Amino acid sequence: MSEKRILIVDDEMEVTSFFRYFFEGKNCKVAVANSGREVDHLLHSSPLPFHLALIDMKLPDTNGLELLRTIKEKFPSCEVLIMTGYSTVKTAVQAIQAGAKDYLEKPFDDLDNLETIIDSLLQQTSQQEKDLRSTAGQYGIIYAPGGPMDTVLSMASKLAKKAINILIIGETGTGKELMARFIHESSLRSQHPFVGINCGAVPQALLESELFGHEKGAFTGAGKTRKGYFELANHGTLFLDEIGEAPLDIQVKLLRVLETGEFMRVGGEDILKSNIRVISATHRHLEHEIEKNRFRSDLLYRLEGVKLEIPPLRERPEDIPLIANYYLQRKFDGQCEISDEAITMLKNCPWPGNVRQLINVLNQTVAIHECSIIKATHLHGRLKEMPTSPVTEEKLALEEYIRREKEKFIHGIVESIGSLEDIEFNELMKQMKDLEAQVGRRIILKGLNEVQGNRKLLSEKLDITPRILRYILNEK
């Protein structure tokens, strides 16, 4: 069982001293506040969640009901006990209706009963944590108890039961789709479909058809009527990954269906209805996209019923050993392990690509070295070239642009092929290589202009040799 974090809120020194002694005797970590202001400070300064809070109903600058709401908003899984005198029992009942677990009457005459109540709560929170980690683990979400992901998963578990849209934000590779699947499976819609689409991976011309479906003959190639994701996900969950990449005209149509629950297939005349929950995700700051007129503010309001932020891997190094061992066990069926020295190296890396990058490093290391134990020496080559800072938003934007345009380009070429007899495959592959070379030459020519023709400096910036630079420029 992980160490329990307890918050005691009371303006009476005798009460806080008593409970500090009581909980520290049970190996709990105790924080004390004597006012609402001190509670606010503790909640903002504590990155780890509290498991249990004991709150006095009457405080100098606030009341127990207000603190209950504040604590539950910050740490949804935190159980709350209200401490009250006889005259405020009625208010304590209101607190239970607002989410408190129970109330304790002052003075605490029956200490045995008090201990029984608290021990029962501590055991419940331990079981709840265990159940939550077990459920999350089924969807590949691995994290250390008491870490930053505890709060995120607790909030996600609570929100799963609510009829509210959720926006998941986080850097590339943090596991936003895994979180969406966890929410769906923990929701009342779990017996219905979970359907996901990456809004940046589908060519713009096809995205409307993918989302809303199309009628036969709606456009060239529409040989039959096809249901879209809003129909396929009916009564279930629709996951809109990389929603920030959706074109503005699609955003307008998304806004309408979110407001009314109604839509039409492309080329159709009948109004269809969809009863779904929308979970969306992005690595972008949508507020910035709104300022740049690339995203609609009214759509954000509809998508962001609640916002969940997944912390990057560099902010939760305690999760790295668990993720690494989970992946190696699952991928290699226990035939590959990782040394403590290697784990230490992994924990000291910035991981700009987050969990996805960590898994790629492990996979490639095993493949290259064919080892049954990953050692620190195996990782030196792969980790020494890793950036020492997170990937910038500009670099992420470029990576997303390349990925998105590559998908469109490939799709366009394949779809333009009528019959295999109509193409010269070898010639097509040669043209692809020529295109790659042209991109390289254009980048180098742009770079030479920026460095005023200094080829040595440009070679260093691009991390290539002057010989390779000349080769790309097709110079002898």
Protein backbone atom coordinates (compact mmCIF):
# COMPACT_ATOMS: atom_id res chain seq x y z
CA MET A 1 0.00 0.00 0.00
CA SER A 2 1.38 3.42 -0.93
CA GLU A 3 1.90 6.09 1.72
CA LYS A 4 -1.37 7.88 2.44
CA ARG A 5 -1.46 11.67 2.25
CA ILE A 6 -3.86 13.23 4.76
CA LEU A 7 -5.11 16.84 4.96
CA ILE A 8 -6.37 18.16 8.31
CA VAL A 9 -8.27 21.48 8.25
CA ASP A 10 -9.27 23.01 11.58
CA ASP A 11 -8.59 26.27 13.39
CA GLU A 12 -8.24 24.54 16.76
CA MET A 13 -4.63 23.61 17.53
CA GLU A 14 -5.70 20.76 19.82
CA VAL A 15 -7.64 19.09 17.00
CA THR A 16 -4.88 19.37 14.38
CA SER A 17 -2.24 18.16 16.86
CA PHE A 18 -4.40 15.18 17.84
CA PHE A 19 -4.98 14.07 14.24
CA ARG A 20 -1.36 14.66 13.22
CA TYR A 21 -0.25 12.30 16.01
CA PHE A 22 -3.06 9.86 15.15
CA PHE A 23 -2.25 9.58 11.40
CA GLU A 24 1.52 9.70 11.68
CA GLY A 25 1.16 6.69 13.97
CA LYS A 26 -0.37 4.92 10.97
CA ASN A 27 2.60 5.91 8.75
CA CYS A 28 0.60 8.56 6.88
CA LYS A 29 1.97 11.84 5.59
CA VAL A 30 0.01 14.68 7.18
CA ALA A 31 -0.54 18.29 6.06
CA VAL A 32 -2.31 20.79 8.30
CA ALA A 33 -4.23 23.99 7.50
CA ASN A 34 -5.98 26.37 9.88
CA SER A 35 -7.90 28.44 7.30
CA GLY A 36 -9.29 28.41 3.79
CA ARG A 37 -6.36 30.49 2.60
CA GLU A 38 -3.88 27.89 3.87
CA VAL A 39 -5.89 25.14 2.14
CA ASP A 40 -5.67 27.01 -1.18
CA HIS A 41 -1.92 27.30 -0.76
CA LEU A 42 -1.55 23.57 0.01
CA LEU A 43 -3.71 22.55 -2.94
CA HIS A 44 -1.77 24.71 -5.38
CA SER A 45 1.65 23.75 -4.05
CA SER A 46 1.03 20.00 -3.79
CA PRO A 47 1.59 18.08 -7.05
CA LEU A 48 0.46 14.83 -5.39
CA PRO A 49 -3.15 14.11 -4.43
CA PHE A 50 -4.47 13.81 -0.91
CA HIS A 51 -6.21 10.53 -0.14
CA LEU A 52 -8.26 11.75 2.81
CA ALA A 53 -9.25 15.18 4.14
CA LEU A 54 -10.79 15.98 7.52
CA ILE A 55 -12.45 19.41 7.37
CA ASP A 56 -13.98 21.44 10.16
CA MET A 57 -17.35 22.87 9.14
CA LYS A 58 -16.60 26.33 10.58
CA LEU A 59 -13.40 28.22 9.78
CA PRO A 60 -12.43 31.90 10.16
CA ASP A 61 -12.56 32.74 6.42
CA THR A 62 -14.73 30.01 4.85
CA ASN A 63 -16.86 26.96 5.59
CA GLY A 64 -16.57 23.22 5.14
CA LEU A 65 -18.95 23.08 2.16
CA GLU A 66 -16.82 25.50 0.14
CA LEU A 67 -13.62 23.62 0.99
CA LEU A 68 -15.28 20.31 0.12
CA ARG A 69 -16.06 21.58 -3.39
CA THR A 70 -12.55 23.02 -3.80
CA ILE A 71 -10.81 19.82 -2.70
CA LYS A 72 -13.06 17.57 -4.80
CA GLU A 73 -12.43 19.73 -7.86
CA LYS A 74 -8.66 19.48 -7.40
CA PHE A 75 -8.48 15.85 -6.22
CA PRO A 76 -11.70 13.99 -7.16
CA SER A 77 -10.62 10.72 -5.53
CA CYS A 78 -9.90 12.35 -2.15
CA GLU A 79 -12.37 11.16 0.47
CA VAL A 80 -13.64 13.91 2.78
CA LEU A 81 -14.82 13.68 6.39
CA ILE A 82 -16.62 16.71 7.81
CA MET A 83 -15.95 17.55 11.49
CA THR A 84 -18.86 19.27 13.17
CA GLY A 85 -20.41 20.19 16.48
CA TYR A 86 -23.96 19.20 17.40
CA SER A 87 -25.42 22.52 16.23
CA THR A 88 -24.20 22.04 12.65
CA VAL A 89 -25.13 18.39 12.05
CA LYS A 90 -27.83 19.48 9.58
CA THR A 91 -25.19 21.29 7.52
CA ALA A 92 -22.95 18.21 7.72
CA VAL A 93 -25.71 16.17 6.10
CA GLN A 94 -25.76 18.71 3.27
CA ALA A 95 -22.02 18.15 2.92
CA ILE A 96 -22.59 14.40 2.52
CA GLN A 97 -25.11 15.17 -0.20
CA ALA A 98 -22.42 17.32 -1.85
CA GLY A 99 -19.86 14.50 -1.84
CA ALA A 100 -18.46 14.11 1.68
CA LYS A 101 -18.02 10.51 2.81
CA ASP A 102 -19.26 10.99 6.36
CA TYR A 103 -19.15 13.39 9.30
CA LEU A 104 -17.58 13.22 12.76
CA GLU A 105 -19.19 14.88 15.76
CA LYS A 106 -17.08 16.90 18.17
CA PRO A 107 -15.92 16.26 20.78
CA PHE A 108 -14.36 12.91 19.83
CA ASP A 109 -15.40 10.94 22.91
CA ASP A 110 -15.48 7.47 21.35
CA LEU A 111 -11.93 7.11 20.04
CA ASP A 112 -12.37 3.42 19.18
CA ASN A 113 -15.29 4.25 16.88
CA LEU A 114 -13.29 7.13 15.38
CA GLU A 115 -10.39 4.81 14.61
CA THR A 116 -12.73 2.21 13.08
CA ILE A 117 -14.26 4.80 10.74
CA ILE A 118 -10.89 6.15 9.62
CA ASP A 119 -9.26 2.73 9.18
CA SER A 120 -12.21 1.67 7.03
CA LEU A 121 -11.80 4.76 4.85
CA LEU A 122 -8.05 4.23 4.43
CA GLN A 123 -8.67 0.62 3.38
CA GLN A 124 -11.34 1.74 0.92
CA THR A 125 -9.04 4.28 -0.69
CA SER A 126 -6.32 1.62 -1.02
CA GLN A 127 -8.74 -0.74 -2.78
CA GLN A 128 -10.04 2.04 -4.99
CA GLU A 129 -6.48 2.91 -6.03
CA LYS A 130 -5.76 -0.74 -6.77
CA ASP A 131 -8.94 -1.11 -8.84
CA LEU A 132 -8.21 2.10 -10.73
CA ARG A 133 -4.63 1.04 -11.60
CA SER A 134 -5.88 -2.39 -12.66
CA THR A 135 -8.52 -0.93 -14.99
CA ALA A 136 -6.10 1.62 -16.43
CA GLY A 137 -3.49 -1.10 -16.95
CA GLN A 138 -5.91 -3.02 -19.16
CA TYR A 139 -5.64 -0.13 -21.63
CA GLY A 140 -1.88 0.29 -21.38
CA ILE A 141 -1.92 3.23 -18.94
CA ILE A 142 0.86 2.40 -16.49
CA TYR A 143 1.76 4.76 -13.64
CA ALA A 144 3.21 4.83 -10.14
CA PRO A 145 0.79 5.18 -7.19
CA GLY A 146 0.80 8.63 -5.67
CA GLY A 147 2.27 10.23 -8.80
CA PRO A 148 0.89 12.96 -11.09
CA MET A 149 -1.12 10.44 -13.13
CA ASP A 150 -3.09 9.49 -10.00
CA THR A 151 -4.97 12.77 -10.12
CA VAL A 152 -5.57 12.56 -13.88
CA LEU A 153 -6.89 8.99 -13.73
CA SER A 154 -9.06 9.73 -10.70
CA MET A 155 -10.60 12.69 -12.50
CA ALA A 156 -11.06 10.63 -15.69
CA SER A 157 -12.75 7.85 -13.73
CA LYS A 158 -15.19 10.30 -12.14
CA LEU A 159 -15.93 12.06 -15.45
CA ALA A 160 -16.47 8.78 -17.28
CA LYS A 161 -19.88 8.37 -15.64
CA LYS A 162 -20.98 11.90 -16.53
CA ALA A 163 -22.77 12.92 -19.73
CA ILE A 164 -20.17 15.50 -20.69
CA ASN A 165 -17.73 16.00 -23.57
CA ILE A 166 -14.04 15.82 -22.68
CA LEU A 167 -10.99 17.46 -24.25
CA ILE A 168 -7.71 15.65 -23.59
CA ILE A 169 -4.57 17.71 -24.04
CA GLY A 170 -0.98 16.55 -23.88
CA GLU A 171 2.23 16.36 -25.85
CA THR A 172 2.67 13.91 -28.68
CA GLY A 173 3.17 10.38 -27.39
CA THR A 174 1.64 10.81 -23.93
CA GLY A 175 -1.19 8.34 -24.59
CA LYS A 176 -4.24 10.52 -25.28
CA GLU A 177 -6.07 7.78 -27.19
CA LEU A 178 -5.42 5.27 -24.40
CA MET A 179 -6.98 7.74 -21.98
CA ALA A 180 -10.00 8.14 -24.27
CA ARG A 181 -10.48 4.36 -24.39
CA PHE A 182 -10.17 4.16 -20.61
CA ILE A 183 -12.88 6.81 -20.22
CA HIS A 184 -15.17 5.02 -22.66
CA GLU A 185 -14.77 1.64 -20.99
CA SER A 186 -15.39 3.21 -17.56
CA SER A 187 -18.54 4.98 -18.78
CA LEU A 188 -22.19 4.00 -19.04
CA ARG A 189 -21.68 3.75 -22.82
CA SER A 190 -19.10 0.97 -22.59
CA GLN A 191 -21.44 -1.60 -24.19
CA HIS A 192 -21.69 0.59 -27.30
CA PRO A 193 -19.01 1.38 -29.93
CA PHE A 194 -15.83 3.35 -29.42
CA VAL A 195 -14.91 4.88 -32.78
CA GLY A 196 -11.84 7.02 -33.36
CA ILE A 197 -10.56 9.16 -36.21
CA ASN A 198 -7.39 11.23 -36.54
CA CYS A 199 -8.52 14.53 -38.02
CA GLY A 200 -5.02 15.27 -39.28
CA ALA A 201 -4.46 11.93 -41.03
CA VAL A 202 -7.47 12.04 -43.36
CA PRO A 203 -7.28 14.17 -46.51
CA GLN A 204 -9.43 17.27 -46.17
CA ALA A 205 -11.60 16.31 -49.14
CA LEU A 206 -12.54 13.01 -47.46
CA LEU A 207 -12.86 14.10 -43.83
CA GLU A 208 -16.50 15.22 -44.12
CA SER A 209 -17.46 11.89 -45.70
CA GLU A 210 -15.58 9.96 -42.99
CA LEU A 211 -17.36 11.84 -40.22
CA PHE A 212 -20.88 12.09 -41.61
CA GLY A 213 -21.02 9.40 -44.30
CA HIS A 214 -22.15 9.82 -47.90
CA GLU A 215 -24.90 8.74 -50.25
CA LYS A 216 -24.31 6.68 -53.36
CA GLY A 217 -23.19 8.96 -56.20
CA ALA A 218 -22.45 11.91 -53.91
CA PHE A 219 -19.03 12.31 -55.56
CA THR A 220 -16.74 10.48 -57.93
CA GLY A 221 -15.93 7.09 -56.46
CA ALA A 222 -18.95 6.98 -54.12
CA GLY A 223 -20.25 3.69 -55.49
CA LYS A 224 -22.50 2.97 -52.53
CA THR A 225 -24.01 4.61 -49.47
CA ARG A 226 -21.65 4.61 -46.53
CA LYS A 227 -22.19 5.39 -42.86
CA GLY A 228 -19.91 7.94 -41.21
CA TYR A 229 -18.36 7.83 -37.77
CA PHE A 230 -21.22 9.78 -36.18
CA GLU A 231 -23.55 6.95 -37.21
CA LEU A 232 -21.14 4.15 -36.39
CA ALA A 233 -20.56 5.54 -32.89
CA ASN A 234 -24.25 6.02 -32.10
CA HIS A 235 -24.97 5.57 -28.36
CA GLY A 236 -21.23 5.16 -27.82
CA THR A 237 -18.12 7.37 -27.93
CA LEU A 238 -16.58 9.24 -30.86
CA PHE A 239 -12.89 10.06 -30.38
CA LEU A 240 -11.68 13.01 -32.46
CA ASP A 241 -7.90 12.80 -32.29
CA GLU A 242 -5.84 15.87 -33.25
CA ILE A 243 -9.00 17.98 -33.43
CA GLY A 244 -6.79 21.04 -33.91
CA GLU A 245 -6.04 19.82 -37.44
CA ALA A 246 -9.68 19.87 -38.56
CA PRO A 247 -10.30 22.42 -41.37
CA LEU A 248 -12.54 25.38 -40.57
CA ASP A 249 -15.37 24.22 -42.83
CA ILE A 250 -15.45 20.88 -40.99
CA GLN A 251 -15.37 22.71 -37.68
CA VAL A 252 -18.61 24.47 -38.64
CA LYS A 253 -20.31 21.15 -39.35
CA LEU A 254 -18.96 19.63 -36.14
CA LEU A 255 -20.35 22.56 -34.17
CA ARG A 256 -23.81 22.03 -35.62
CA VAL A 257 -23.98 18.33 -34.82
CA LEU A 258 -22.69 18.94 -31.30
CA GLU A 259 -25.33 21.60 -30.73
CA THR A 260 -28.30 19.79 -32.28
CA GLY A 261 -27.34 16.13 -32.51
CA GLU A 262 -28.39 16.32 -36.18
CA PHE A 263 -26.42 15.91 -39.40
CA MET A 264 -26.77 14.85 -43.01
CA ARG A 265 -24.64 12.52 -45.10
CA VAL A 266 -22.68 14.08 -47.93
CA GLY A 267 -25.06 14.24 -50.88
CA GLY A 268 -28.02 13.34 -48.66
CA GLU A 269 -31.28 15.11 -47.87
CA ASP A 270 -32.45 13.22 -44.79
CA ILE A 271 -31.64 14.60 -41.34
CA LEU A 272 -30.05 11.94 -39.15
CA LYS A 273 -29.65 11.98 -35.37
CA SER A 274 -26.72 10.78 -33.31
CA ASN A 275 -26.59 10.20 -29.56
CA ILE A 276 -22.90 10.09 -28.79
CA ARG A 277 -20.31 11.36 -26.39
CA VAL A 278 -17.39 13.20 -27.98
CA ILE A 279 -13.90 12.90 -26.58
CA SER A 280 -11.37 15.01 -28.46
CA ALA A 281 -7.62 15.32 -28.13
CA THR A 282 -4.86 17.63 -29.28
CA HIS A 283 -1.23 18.46 -28.63
CA ARG A 284 -1.85 22.06 -29.67
CA HIS A 285 -2.87 25.06 -27.57
CA LEU A 286 -6.30 25.61 -29.07
CA GLU A 287 -6.56 29.04 -27.45
CA HIS A 288 -3.53 30.08 -29.53
CA GLU A 289 -5.11 28.55 -32.62
CA ILE A 290 -8.23 30.65 -31.96
CA GLU A 291 -6.10 33.81 -31.80
CA LYS A 292 -4.63 32.87 -35.19
CA ASN A 293 -8.12 32.26 -36.62
CA ARG A 294 -7.37 28.58 -37.16
CA PHE A 295 -9.87 27.23 -34.66
CA ARG A 296 -13.39 28.28 -33.70
CA SER A 297 -13.92 29.42 -30.13
CA ASP A 298 -17.55 28.25 -30.11
CA LEU A 299 -16.45 24.75 -31.11
CA LEU A 300 -13.88 24.71 -28.30
CA TYR A 301 -16.61 25.57 -25.80
CA ARG A 302 -18.62 22.57 -27.01
CA LEU A 303 -15.69 20.17 -26.95
CA GLU A 304 -14.23 21.37 -23.67
CA GLY A 305 -16.96 20.35 -21.28
CA VAL A 306 -14.05 19.32 -19.09
CA LYS A 307 -10.34 19.44 -19.93
CA LEU A 308 -7.94 16.68 -18.92
CA GLU A 309 -4.21 17.29 -19.23
CA ILE A 310 -1.83 14.34 -19.39
CA PRO A 311 1.55 15.32 -17.93
CA PRO A 312 4.63 14.67 -20.09
CA LEU A 313 6.86 11.73 -19.19
CA ARG A 314 9.71 13.99 -18.04
CA GLU A 315 7.45 15.24 -15.22
CA ARG A 316 6.76 11.72 -13.95
CA PRO A 317 10.06 9.79 -14.04
CA GLU A 318 8.73 7.45 -11.35
CA ASP A 319 6.49 5.93 -14.04
CA ILE A 320 9.38 5.01 -16.34
CA PRO A 321 10.47 1.74 -14.61
CA LEU A 322 6.86 0.53 -14.52
CA ILE A 323 6.23 1.38 -18.18
CA ALA A 324 9.51 -0.19 -19.31
CA ASN A 325 8.94 -3.44 -17.42
CA TYR A 326 5.29 -3.63 -18.48
CA TYR A 327 6.23 -3.20 -22.14
CA LEU A 328 9.10 -5.70 -22.06
CA GLN A 329 6.96 -8.29 -20.30
CA ARG A 330 4.10 -7.85 -22.75
CA LYS A 331 6.20 -7.60 -25.92
CA PHE A 332 8.77 -10.30 -25.18
CA ASP A 333 6.78 -12.54 -22.84
CA GLY A 334 9.24 -12.18 -19.98
CA GLN A 335 12.25 -13.10 -22.12
CA CYS A 336 13.82 -9.66 -21.80
CA GLU A 337 14.57 -7.56 -18.72
CA ILE A 338 16.22 -4.22 -18.02
CA SER A 339 19.02 -3.47 -15.56
CA ASP A 340 18.82 -0.92 -12.75
CA GLU A 341 21.60 1.13 -14.38
CA ALA A 342 19.65 1.26 -17.62
CA ILE A 343 16.52 2.36 -15.75
CA THR A 344 18.51 5.18 -14.14
CA MET A 345 19.60 6.35 -17.59
CA LEU A 346 16.03 6.28 -18.86
CA LYS A 347 14.79 8.29 -15.87
CA ASN A 348 17.34 11.03 -16.58
CA CYS A 349 16.23 11.56 -20.19
CA PRO A 350 13.90 14.39 -21.26
CA TRP A 351 11.73 12.16 -23.52
CA PRO A 352 10.39 14.78 -25.95
CA GLY A 353 8.40 11.99 -27.63
CA ASN A 354 7.11 10.76 -24.26
CA VAL A 355 5.87 7.16 -23.77
CA ARG A 356 5.80 6.43 -27.50
CA GLN A 357 9.48 7.36 -27.77
CA LEU A 358 10.41 5.31 -24.69
CA ILE A 359 8.76 2.22 -26.18
CA ASN A 360 10.49 2.78 -29.52
CA VAL A 361 13.88 3.01 -27.78
CA LEU A 362 13.27 -0.23 -25.89
CA ASN A 363 12.04 -2.03 -28.99
CA GLN A 364 14.95 -0.90 -31.17
CA THR A 365 17.51 -1.67 -28.46
CA VAL A 366 16.33 -5.27 -28.14
CA ALA A 367 16.20 -5.66 -31.93
CA ILE A 368 19.70 -4.28 -32.50
CA HIS A 369 21.51 -5.98 -29.61
CA GLU A 370 19.40 -9.16 -29.47
CA CYS A 371 19.78 -9.02 -25.70
CA SER A 372 17.86 -10.68 -22.91
CA ILE A 373 18.87 -7.91 -20.49
CA ILE A 374 18.98 -4.28 -21.59
CA LYS A 375 22.10 -2.75 -20.05
CA ALA A 376 23.19 0.86 -19.78
CA THR A 377 25.86 0.26 -22.45
CA HIS A 378 23.15 -0.76 -24.91
CA LEU A 379 21.40 2.58 -24.47
CA HIS A 380 24.33 4.98 -24.83
CA GLY A 381 24.11 5.26 -28.59
CA ARG A 382 20.36 5.75 -28.65
CA LEU A 383 20.14 8.24 -25.80
CA LYS A 384 23.17 10.46 -26.40
CA GLU A 385 21.55 12.07 -29.44
CA MET A 386 18.26 12.78 -27.68
CA PRO A 387 17.44 16.50 -27.39
CA THR A 388 17.99 17.91 -23.91
CA SER A 389 14.74 19.88 -24.05
CA PRO A 390 11.17 19.08 -25.07
CA VAL A 391 10.17 19.25 -28.70
CA THR A 392 9.11 22.81 -29.54
CA GLU A 393 5.61 23.57 -30.71
CA GLU A 394 7.08 24.66 -34.06
CA LYS A 395 8.81 21.32 -34.51
CA LEU A 396 5.67 19.43 -33.53
CA ALA A 397 3.72 21.53 -36.03
CA LEU A 398 6.22 20.65 -38.78
CA GLU A 399 6.09 16.95 -37.89
CA GLU A 400 2.29 17.02 -37.95
CA TYR A 401 2.28 18.90 -41.27
CA ILE A 402 4.65 16.37 -42.86
CA ARG A 403 2.65 13.44 -41.54
CA ARG A 404 -0.66 14.94 -42.65
CA GLU A 405 0.55 15.96 -46.13
CA LYS A 406 2.31 12.62 -46.59
CA GLU A 407 -0.97 10.82 -45.94
CA LYS A 408 -2.76 13.04 -48.45
CA PHE A 409 0.01 12.59 -51.02
CA ILE A 410 0.09 8.80 -50.69
CA HIS A 411 -3.69 8.58 -50.76
CA GLY A 412 -3.84 10.77 -53.87
CA ILE A 413 -1.33 8.64 -55.77
CA VAL A 414 -2.93 5.31 -54.85
CA GLU A 415 -6.46 6.52 -55.60
CA SER A 416 -5.37 7.87 -59.00
CA ILE A 417 -4.29 4.40 -60.10
CA GLY A 418 -7.05 2.86 -62.16
CA SER A 419 -5.46 -0.52 -62.81
CA LEU A 420 -2.08 -1.99 -61.95
CA GLU A 421 -1.47 -2.46 -65.67
CA ASP A 422 -1.65 1.32 -66.07
CA ILE A 423 1.50 2.06 -64.08
CA GLU A 424 5.23 1.58 -64.47
CA PHE A 425 6.09 0.61 -60.92
CA ASN A 426 9.87 1.01 -61.21
CA GLU A 427 9.49 4.40 -62.84
CA LEU A 428 7.11 5.49 -60.08
CA MET A 429 9.64 4.50 -57.40
CA LYS A 430 12.36 6.43 -59.26
CA GLN A 431 10.15 9.52 -59.29
CA MET A 432 9.61 9.18 -55.54
CA LYS A 433 13.38 9.13 -54.97
CA ASP A 434 13.78 12.17 -57.21
CA LEU A 435 11.11 13.97 -55.16
CA GLU A 436 12.98 13.17 -51.93
CA ALA A 437 16.20 14.54 -53.42
CA GLN A 438 14.43 17.72 -54.50
CA VAL A 439 13.17 18.32 -50.96
CA GLY A 440 16.72 17.91 -49.61
CA ARG A 441 18.13 20.34 -52.17
CA ARG A 442 15.46 22.94 -51.46
CA ILE A 443 16.11 22.79 -47.71
CA ILE A 444 19.86 23.17 -48.19
CA LEU A 445 19.44 26.10 -50.61
CA LYS A 446 17.14 27.79 -48.08
CA GLY A 447 19.71 27.13 -45.36
CA LEU A 448 22.59 28.52 -47.44
CA ASN A 449 20.63 31.72 -47.87
CA GLU A 450 20.11 31.98 -44.08
CA VAL A 451 23.84 31.47 -43.29
CA GLN A 452 25.06 33.69 -46.14
CA GLY A 453 26.61 30.78 -48.01
CA ASN A 454 28.69 29.44 -45.09
CA ARG A 455 28.63 25.72 -45.93
CA LYS A 456 30.60 24.64 -42.88
CA LEU A 457 28.16 26.37 -40.57
CA LEU A 458 25.18 24.91 -42.42
CA SER A 459 26.69 21.40 -42.22
CA GLU A 460 26.98 21.79 -38.45
CA LYS A 461 23.41 23.08 -38.14
CA LEU A 462 22.03 20.16 -40.15
CA ASP A 463 24.40 17.65 -38.51
CA ILE A 464 25.71 16.39 -41.84
CA THR A 465 29.19 16.38 -43.37
CA PRO A 466 30.18 18.91 -46.08
CA ARG A 467 30.57 15.92 -48.42
CA ILE A 468 26.94 14.87 -47.92
CA LEU A 469 25.89 18.48 -48.42
CA ARG A 470 27.68 18.56 -51.79
CA TYR A 471 26.16 15.22 -52.72
CA ILE A 472 22.62 16.43 -52.01
CA LEU A 473 23.29 19.52 -54.11
CA ASN A 474 24.41 17.14 -56.85
CA GLU A 475 27.87 18.68 -56.95
CA LYS A 476 30.90 16.63 -57.98
